[in-house]
Amino acid sequence: MVFITPILPITVILLIHNKTTVLPVTREARQRKPKKTTKLVIDETTKERAISMLKLGYSVAEIEEELGISRPTLYRYKKIIK
């Protein structure tokens, strides 16, 4: 004896008449998200200005606020000076 619940015909009807199709998400589709780039290109004049400010004795925090250059970049420039 086979019992068919009333839920089964309803789900079949909903699946048949549903206008949207559900596609499975593949591993490749999940991996193709565009990466955010946070690197900003610093032009030569800004670099030269930062190096000259470091030579004049400005603190890294002051230069960072003034020019908008990141702290690690300024420490890299500081290594160039020494």
PDB file of N, CA and C in Angstrom:
ATOM      1  N   MET A   1       0.821  -1.167   0.000  1.00  0.00           N
ATOM      2  CA  MET A   1       0.000   0.000   0.000  1.00  0.00           C
ATOM      3  C   MET A   1       0.883   1.255   0.000  1.00  0.00           C
ATOM      4  N   VAL A   2       0.588   2.152  -0.918  1.00  0.00           N
ATOM      5  CA  VAL A   2       1.388   3.360  -1.067  1.00  0.00           C
ATOM      6  C   VAL A   2       0.556   4.550  -0.622  1.00  0.00           C
ATOM      7  N   PHE A   3       1.153   5.318   0.265  1.00  0.00           N
ATOM      8  CA  PHE A   3       0.479   6.528   0.726  1.00  0.00           C
ATOM      9  C   PHE A   3       1.142   7.739   0.096  1.00  0.00           C
ATOM     10  N   ILE A   4       0.361   8.551  -0.533  1.00  0.00           N
ATOM     11  CA  ILE A   4       0.861   9.805  -1.103  1.00  0.00           C
ATOM     12  C   ILE A   4       0.324  10.932  -0.249  1.00  0.00           C
ATOM     13  N   THR A   5       1.232  11.674   0.306  1.00  0.00           N
ATOM     14  CA  THR A   5       0.815  12.781   1.156  1.00  0.00           C
ATOM     15  C   THR A   5       0.353  13.936   0.289  1.00  0.00           C
ATOM     16  N   PRO A   6      -0.486  14.789   0.825  1.00  0.00           N
ATOM     17  CA  PRO A   6      -0.956  15.942   0.030  1.00  0.00           C
ATOM     18  C   PRO A   6       0.156  16.951  -0.261  1.00  0.00           C
ATOM     19  N   ILE A   7       1.266  16.865   0.425  1.00  0.00           N
ATOM     20  CA  ILE A   7       2.372  17.797   0.205  1.00  0.00           C
ATOM     21  C   ILE A   7       3.066  17.507  -1.132  1.00  0.00           C
ATOM     22  N   LEU A   8       3.197  16.258  -1.491  1.00  0.00           N
ATOM     23  CA  LEU A   8       3.903  15.892  -2.713  1.00  0.00           C
ATOM     24  C   LEU A   8       3.273  16.492  -3.966  1.00  0.00           C
ATOM     25  N   PRO A   9       1.965  16.362  -4.183  1.00  0.00           N
ATOM     26  CA  PRO A   9       1.393  16.989  -5.390  1.00  0.00           C
ATOM     27  C   PRO A   9       1.515  18.515  -5.393  1.00  0.00           C
ATOM     28  N   ILE A  10       1.445  19.114  -4.225  1.00  0.00           N
ATOM     29  CA  ILE A  10       1.551  20.572  -4.151  1.00  0.00           C
ATOM     30  C   ILE A  10       2.962  21.007  -4.537  1.00  0.00           C
ATOM     31  N   THR A  11       3.962  20.315  -4.047  1.00  0.00           N
ATOM     32  CA  THR A  11       5.336  20.694  -4.396  1.00  0.00           C
ATOM     33  C   THR A  11       5.625  20.460  -5.872  1.00  0.00           C
ATOM     34  N   VAL A  12       5.072  19.397  -6.444  1.00  0.00           N
ATOM     35  CA  VAL A  12       5.261  19.147  -7.870  1.00  0.00           C
ATOM     36  C   VAL A  12       4.621  20.261  -8.684  1.00  0.00           C
ATOM     37  N   ILE A  13       3.438  20.666  -8.308  1.00  0.00           N
ATOM     38  CA  ILE A  13       2.749  21.753  -9.017  1.00  0.00           C
ATOM     39  C   ILE A  13       3.538  23.055  -8.886  1.00  0.00           C
ATOM     40  N   LEU A  14       4.034  23.334  -7.692  1.00  0.00           N
ATOM     41  CA  LEU A  14       4.811  24.556  -7.493  1.00  0.00           C
ATOM     42  C   LEU A  14       6.110  24.523  -8.296  1.00  0.00           C
ATOM     43  N   LEU A  15       6.740  23.376  -8.388  1.00  0.00           N
ATOM     44  CA  LEU A  15       7.970  23.269  -9.158  1.00  0.00           C
ATOM     45  C   LEU A  15       7.724  23.425 -10.658  1.00  0.00           C
ATOM     46  N   ILE A  16       6.634  22.894 -11.124  1.00  0.00           N
ATOM     47  CA  ILE A  16       6.320  22.989 -12.549  1.00  0.00           C
ATOM     48  C   ILE A  16       5.960  24.421 -12.932  1.00  0.00           C
ATOM     49  N   HIS A  17       5.196  25.079 -12.101  1.00  0.00           N
ATOM     50  CA  HIS A  17       4.694  26.414 -12.445  1.00  0.00           C
ATOM     51  C   HIS A  17       5.573  27.549 -11.929  1.00  0.00           C
ATOM     52  N   ASN A  18       6.653  27.206 -11.323  1.00  0.00           N
ATOM     53  CA  ASN A  18       7.559  28.235 -10.840  1.00  0.00           C
ATOM     54  C   ASN A  18       8.320  28.823 -12.032  1.00  0.00           C
ATOM     55  N   LYS A  19       8.330  30.145 -12.145  1.00  0.00           N
ATOM     56  CA  LYS A  19       8.951  30.779 -13.302  1.00  0.00           C
ATOM     57  C   LYS A  19      10.454  30.975 -13.136  1.00  0.00           C
ATOM     58  N   THR A  20      10.923  30.936 -11.923  1.00  0.00           N
ATOM     59  CA  THR A  20      12.362  31.098 -11.715  1.00  0.00           C
ATOM     60  C   THR A  20      13.011  29.725 -11.642  1.00  0.00           C
ATOM     61  N   THR A  21      14.164  29.649 -12.207  1.00  0.00           N
ATOM     62  CA  THR A  21      14.898  28.393 -12.152  1.00  0.00           C
ATOM     63  C   THR A  21      16.047  28.545 -11.175  1.00  0.00           C
ATOM     64  N   VAL A  22      16.271  27.548 -10.414  1.00  0.00           N
ATOM     65  CA  VAL A  22      17.340  27.568  -9.436  1.00  0.00           C
ATOM     66  C   VAL A  22      18.509  26.791 -10.018  1.00  0.00           C
ATOM     67  N   LEU A  23      19.594  27.496 -10.234  1.00  0.00           N
ATOM     68  CA  LEU A  23      20.786  26.857 -10.769  1.00  0.00           C
ATOM     69  C   LEU A  23      21.738  26.542  -9.616  1.00  0.00           C
ATOM     70  N   PRO A  24      22.343  25.402  -9.652  1.00  0.00           N
ATOM     71  CA  PRO A  24      23.291  25.090  -8.581  1.00  0.00           C
ATOM     72  C   PRO A  24      24.533  25.968  -8.693  1.00  0.00           C
ATOM     73  N   VAL A  25      25.036  26.373  -7.552  1.00  0.00           N
ATOM     74  CA  VAL A  25      26.231  27.208  -7.525  1.00  0.00           C
ATOM     75  C   VAL A  25      27.437  26.281  -7.580  1.00  0.00           C
ATOM     76  N   THR A  26      28.218  26.445  -8.617  1.00  0.00           N
ATOM     77  CA  THR A  26      29.389  25.594  -8.779  1.00  0.00           C
ATOM     78  C   THR A  26      30.587  26.204  -8.064  1.00  0.00           C
ATOM     79  N   ARG A  27      31.592  25.431  -7.883  1.00  0.00           N
ATOM     80  CA  ARG A  27      32.802  25.903  -7.222  1.00  0.00           C
ATOM     81  C   ARG A  27      33.458  27.025  -8.023  1.00  0.00           C
ATOM     82  N   GLU A  28      33.429  26.921  -9.343  1.00  0.00           N
ATOM     83  CA  GLU A  28      34.042  27.945 -10.181  1.00  0.00           C
ATOM     84  C   GLU A  28      33.285  29.273 -10.061  1.00  0.00           C
ATOM     85  N   ALA A  29      31.975  29.199  -9.957  1.00  0.00           N
ATOM     86  CA  ALA A  29      31.192  30.430  -9.841  1.00  0.00           C
ATOM     87  C   ALA A  29      31.473  31.122  -8.520  1.00  0.00           C
ATOM     88  N   ARG A  30      31.704  30.357  -7.477  1.00  0.00           N
ATOM     89  CA  ARG A  30      32.017  30.961  -6.190  1.00  0.00           C
ATOM     90  C   ARG A  30      33.405  31.578  -6.179  1.00  0.00           C
ATOM     91  N   GLN A  31      34.324  31.051  -6.938  1.00  0.00           N
ATOM     92  CA  GLN A  31      35.688  31.531  -6.914  1.00  0.00           C
ATOM     93  C   GLN A  31      35.925  32.714  -7.845  1.00  0.00           C
ATOM     94  N   ARG A  32      34.996  33.052  -8.691  1.00  0.00           N
ATOM     95  CA  ARG A  32      35.203  34.122  -9.677  1.00  0.00           C
ATOM     96  C   ARG A  32      34.809  35.500  -9.172  1.00  0.00           C
ATOM     97  N   LYS A  33      34.738  35.700  -7.872  1.00  0.00           N
ATOM     98  CA  LYS A  33      34.380  37.015  -7.353  1.00  0.00           C
ATOM     99  C   LYS A  33      35.520  37.984  -7.624  1.00  0.00           C
ATOM    100  N   PRO A  34      35.185  39.191  -8.064  1.00  0.00           N
ATOM    101  CA  PRO A  34      36.260  40.151  -8.328  1.00  0.00           C
ATOM    102  C   PRO A  34      36.917  40.575  -7.020  1.00  0.00           C
ATOM    103  N   LYS A  35      38.230  40.683  -7.059  1.00  0.00           N
ATOM    104  CA  LYS A  35      38.966  41.066  -5.874  1.00  0.00           C
ATOM    105  C   LYS A  35      39.013  42.584  -5.783  1.00  0.00           C
ATOM    106  N   LYS A  36      38.906  43.057  -4.566  1.00  0.00           N
ATOM    107  CA  LYS A  36      38.998  44.492  -4.352  1.00  0.00           C
ATOM    108  C   LYS A  36      40.464  44.877  -4.289  1.00  0.00           C
ATOM    109  N   THR A  37      40.807  45.915  -5.013  1.00  0.00           N
ATOM    110  CA  THR A  37      42.174  46.399  -4.965  1.00  0.00           C
ATOM    111  C   THR A  37      42.210  47.651  -4.112  1.00  0.00           C
ATOM    112  N   THR A  38      43.112  47.644  -3.152  1.00  0.00           N
ATOM    113  CA  THR A  38      43.221  48.796  -2.272  1.00  0.00           C
ATOM    114  C   THR A  38      44.506  49.579  -2.524  1.00  0.00           C
ATOM    115  N   LYS A  39      45.323  49.100  -3.449  1.00  0.00           N
ATOM    116  CA  LYS A  39      46.562  49.808  -3.725  1.00  0.00           C
ATOM    117  C   LYS A  39      46.267  51.078  -4.515  1.00  0.00           C
ATOM    118  N   LEU A  40      46.817  52.148  -4.030  1.00  0.00           N
ATOM    119  CA  LEU A  40      46.710  53.415  -4.742  1.00  0.00           C
ATOM    120  C   LEU A  40      48.071  53.746  -5.330  1.00  0.00           C
ATOM    121  N   VAL A  41      48.070  54.268  -6.494  1.00  0.00           N
ATOM    122  CA  VAL A  41      49.324  54.624  -7.146  1.00  0.00           C
ATOM    123  C   VAL A  41      49.748  55.998  -6.644  1.00  0.00           C
ATOM    124  N   ILE A  42      50.954  56.048  -6.104  1.00  0.00           N
ATOM    125  CA  ILE A  42      51.483  57.313  -5.595  1.00  0.00           C
ATOM    126  C   ILE A  42      52.400  57.888  -6.669  1.00  0.00           C
ATOM    127  N   ASP A  43      52.094  59.100  -7.086  1.00  0.00           N
ATOM    128  CA  ASP A  43      52.918  59.700  -8.127  1.00  0.00           C
ATOM    129  C   ASP A  43      54.263  60.152  -7.546  1.00  0.00           C
ATOM    130  N   GLU A  44      55.184  60.437  -8.418  1.00  0.00           N
ATOM    131  CA  GLU A  44      56.558  60.742  -8.009  1.00  0.00           C
ATOM    132  C   GLU A  44      56.647  62.012  -7.172  1.00  0.00           C
ATOM    133  N   THR A  45      55.817  63.012  -7.473  1.00  0.00           N
ATOM    134  CA  THR A  45      55.902  64.258  -6.713  1.00  0.00           C
ATOM    135  C   THR A  45      55.471  64.046  -5.267  1.00  0.00           C
ATOM    136  N   THR A  46      54.455  63.224  -5.047  1.00  0.00           N
ATOM    137  CA  THR A  46      54.013  62.935  -3.687  1.00  0.00           C
ATOM    138  C   THR A  46      55.083  62.147  -2.952  1.00  0.00           C
ATOM    139  N   LYS A  47      55.707  61.204  -3.654  1.00  0.00           N
ATOM    140  CA  LYS A  47      56.775  60.413  -3.050  1.00  0.00           C
ATOM    141  C   LYS A  47      57.947  61.311  -2.658  1.00  0.00           C
ATOM    142  N   GLU A  48      58.343  62.187  -3.564  1.00  0.00           N
ATOM    143  CA  GLU A  48      59.451  63.109  -3.282  1.00  0.00           C
ATOM    144  C   GLU A  48      59.110  64.049  -2.134  1.00  0.00           C
ATOM    145  N   ARG A  49      57.889  64.502  -2.096  1.00  0.00           N
ATOM    146  CA  ARG A  49      57.458  65.392  -1.014  1.00  0.00           C
ATOM    147  C   ARG A  49      57.493  64.668   0.330  1.00  0.00           C
ATOM    148  N   ALA A  50      57.043  63.401   0.347  1.00  0.00           N
ATOM    149  CA  ALA A  50      57.063  62.622   1.584  1.00  0.00           C
ATOM    150  C   ALA A  50      58.495  62.392   2.052  1.00  0.00           C
ATOM    151  N   ILE A  51      59.389  62.076   1.128  1.00  0.00           N
ATOM    152  CA  ILE A  51      60.783  61.848   1.490  1.00  0.00           C
ATOM    153  C   ILE A  51      61.423  63.133   2.011  1.00  0.00           C
ATOM    154  N   SER A  52      61.110  64.247   1.363  1.00  0.00           N
ATOM    155  CA  SER A  52      61.681  65.516   1.843  1.00  0.00           C
ATOM    156  C   SER A  52      61.115  65.888   3.213  1.00  0.00           C
ATOM    157  N   MET A  53      59.852  65.607   3.470  1.00  0.00           N
ATOM    158  CA  MET A  53      59.276  65.882   4.786  1.00  0.00           C
ATOM    159  C   MET A  53      59.903  64.990   5.853  1.00  0.00           C
ATOM    160  N   LEU A  54      60.206  63.734   5.487  1.00  0.00           N
ATOM    161  CA  LEU A  54      60.883  62.851   6.434  1.00  0.00           C
ATOM    162  C   LEU A  54      62.283  63.374   6.744  1.00  0.00           C
ATOM    163  N   LYS A  55      62.966  63.891   5.728  1.00  0.00           N
ATOM    164  CA  LYS A  55      64.311  64.441   5.936  1.00  0.00           C
ATOM    165  C   LYS A  55      64.265  65.678   6.824  1.00  0.00           C
ATOM    166  N   LEU A  56      63.186  66.454   6.707  1.00  0.00           N
ATOM    167  CA  LEU A  56      63.060  67.668   7.511  1.00  0.00           C
ATOM    168  C   LEU A  56      62.665  67.377   8.957  1.00  0.00           C
ATOM    169  N   GLY A  57      62.284  66.136   9.240  1.00  0.00           N
ATOM    170  CA  GLY A  57      61.997  65.773  10.636  1.00  0.00           C
ATOM    171  C   GLY A  57      60.528  65.701  10.990  1.00  0.00           C
ATOM    172  N   TYR A  58      59.653  65.735  10.016  1.00  0.00           N
ATOM    173  CA  TYR A  58      58.234  65.580  10.308  1.00  0.00           C
ATOM    174  C   TYR A  58      57.981  64.155  10.812  1.00  0.00           C
ATOM    175  N   SER A  59      57.000  64.007  11.677  1.00  0.00           N
ATOM    176  CA  SER A  59      56.674  62.664  12.162  1.00  0.00           C
ATOM    177  C   SER A  59      55.873  61.920  11.089  1.00  0.00           C
ATOM    178  N   VAL A  60      55.871  60.603  11.213  1.00  0.00           N
ATOM    179  CA  VAL A  60      55.161  59.775  10.240  1.00  0.00           C
ATOM    180  C   VAL A  60      53.661  60.069  10.289  1.00  0.00           C
ATOM    181  N   ALA A  61      53.137  60.301  11.476  1.00  0.00           N
ATOM    182  CA  ALA A  61      51.707  60.590  11.615  1.00  0.00           C
ATOM    183  C   ALA A  61      51.333  61.898  10.920  1.00  0.00           C
ATOM    184  N   GLU A  62      52.206  62.906  11.021  1.00  0.00           N
ATOM    185  CA  GLU A  62      51.938  64.185  10.366  1.00  0.00           C
ATOM    186  C   GLU A  62      51.942  64.047   8.848  1.00  0.00           C
ATOM    187  N   ILE A  63      52.905  63.304   8.337  1.00  0.00           N
ATOM    188  CA  ILE A  63      52.986  63.115   6.884  1.00  0.00           C
ATOM    189  C   ILE A  63      51.813  62.288   6.396  1.00  0.00           C
ATOM    190  N   GLU A  64      51.451  61.292   7.182  1.00  0.00           N
ATOM    191  CA  GLU A  64      50.317  60.437   6.818  1.00  0.00           C
ATOM    192  C   GLU A  64      49.038  61.265   6.709  1.00  0.00           C
ATOM    193  N   GLU A  65      48.843  62.160   7.642  1.00  0.00           N
ATOM    194  CA  GLU A  65      47.646  63.014   7.625  1.00  0.00           C
ATOM    195  C   GLU A  65      47.709  64.044   6.501  1.00  0.00           C
ATOM    196  N   GLU A  66      48.876  64.610   6.276  1.00  0.00           N
ATOM    197  CA  GLU A  66      49.038  65.662   5.275  1.00  0.00           C
ATOM    198  C   GLU A  66      48.891  65.144   3.846  1.00  0.00           C
ATOM    199  N   LEU A  67      49.577  64.036   3.538  1.00  0.00           N
ATOM    200  CA  LEU A  67      49.633  63.559   2.159  1.00  0.00           C
ATOM    201  C   LEU A  67      48.678  62.405   1.874  1.00  0.00           C
ATOM    202  N   GLY A  68      48.193  61.741   2.903  1.00  0.00           N
ATOM    203  CA  GLY A  68      47.285  60.613   2.688  1.00  0.00           C
ATOM    204  C   GLY A  68      48.001  59.331   2.282  1.00  0.00           C
ATOM    205  N   ILE A  69      49.271  59.217   2.642  1.00  0.00           N
ATOM    206  CA  ILE A  69      50.046  58.017   2.344  1.00  0.00           C
ATOM    207  C   ILE A  69      49.976  57.109   3.562  1.00  0.00           C
ATOM    208  N   SER A  70      49.918  55.802   3.319  1.00  0.00           N
ATOM    209  CA  SER A  70      49.794  54.866   4.435  1.00  0.00           C
ATOM    210  C   SER A  70      51.080  54.820   5.255  1.00  0.00           C
ATOM    211  N   ARG A  71      50.918  54.413   6.488  1.00  0.00           N
ATOM    212  CA  ARG A  71      52.036  54.331   7.422  1.00  0.00           C
ATOM    213  C   ARG A  71      53.132  53.353   6.949  1.00  0.00           C
ATOM    214  N   PRO A  72      52.763  52.124   6.477  1.00  0.00           N
ATOM    215  CA  PRO A  72      53.821  51.225   6.008  1.00  0.00           C
ATOM    216  C   PRO A  72      54.628  51.787   4.837  1.00  0.00           C
ATOM    217  N   THR A  73      53.952  52.527   3.954  1.00  0.00           N
ATOM    218  CA  THR A  73      54.657  53.135   2.829  1.00  0.00           C
ATOM    219  C   THR A  73      55.643  54.182   3.316  1.00  0.00           C
ATOM    220  N   LEU A  74      55.244  54.952   4.302  1.00  0.00           N
ATOM    221  CA  LEU A  74      56.151  55.963   4.841  1.00  0.00           C
ATOM    222  C   LEU A  74      57.351  55.334   5.522  1.00  0.00           C
ATOM    223  N   TYR A  75      57.151  54.230   6.208  1.00  0.00           N
ATOM    224  CA  TYR A  75      58.289  53.546   6.829  1.00  0.00           C
ATOM    225  C   TYR A  75      59.216  52.950   5.762  1.00  0.00           C
ATOM    226  N   ARG A  76      58.661  52.541   4.624  1.00  0.00           N
ATOM    227  CA  ARG A  76      59.493  52.083   3.517  1.00  0.00           C
ATOM    228  C   ARG A  76      60.353  53.227   2.981  1.00  0.00           C
ATOM    229  N   TYR A  77      59.751  54.404   2.865  1.00  0.00           N
ATOM    230  CA  TYR A  77      60.508  55.577   2.416  1.00  0.00           C
ATOM    231  C   TYR A  77      61.574  55.951   3.437  1.00  0.00           C
ATOM    232  N   LYS A  78      61.241  55.749   4.699  1.00  0.00           N
ATOM    233  CA  LYS A  78      62.201  56.066   5.770  1.00  0.00           C
ATOM    234  C   LYS A  78      63.426  55.164   5.673  1.00  0.00           C
ATOM    235  N   LYS A  79      63.225  53.905   5.266  1.00  0.00           N
ATOM    236  CA  LYS A  79      64.357  52.986   5.072  1.00  0.00           C
ATOM    237  C   LYS A  79      65.230  53.434   3.910  1.00  0.00           C
ATOM    238  N   ILE A  80      64.618  54.022   2.882  1.00  0.00           N
ATOM    239  CA  ILE A  80      65.377  54.493   1.724  1.00  0.00           C
ATOM    240  C   ILE A  80      66.332  55.614   2.139  1.00  0.00           C
ATOM    241  N   ILE A  81      65.885  56.452   3.044  1.00  0.00           N
ATOM    242  CA  ILE A  81      66.677  57.598   3.472  1.00  0.00           C
ATOM    243  C   ILE A  81      67.926  57.133   4.218  1.00  0.00           C
ATOM    244  N   LYS A  82      67.791  56.131   5.052  1.00  0.00           N
ATOM    245  CA  LYS A  82      68.924  55.683   5.891  1.00  0.00           C
ATOM    246  C   LYS A  82      69.955  54.930   5.142  1.00  0.00           C
TER     247      LYS A  82
END
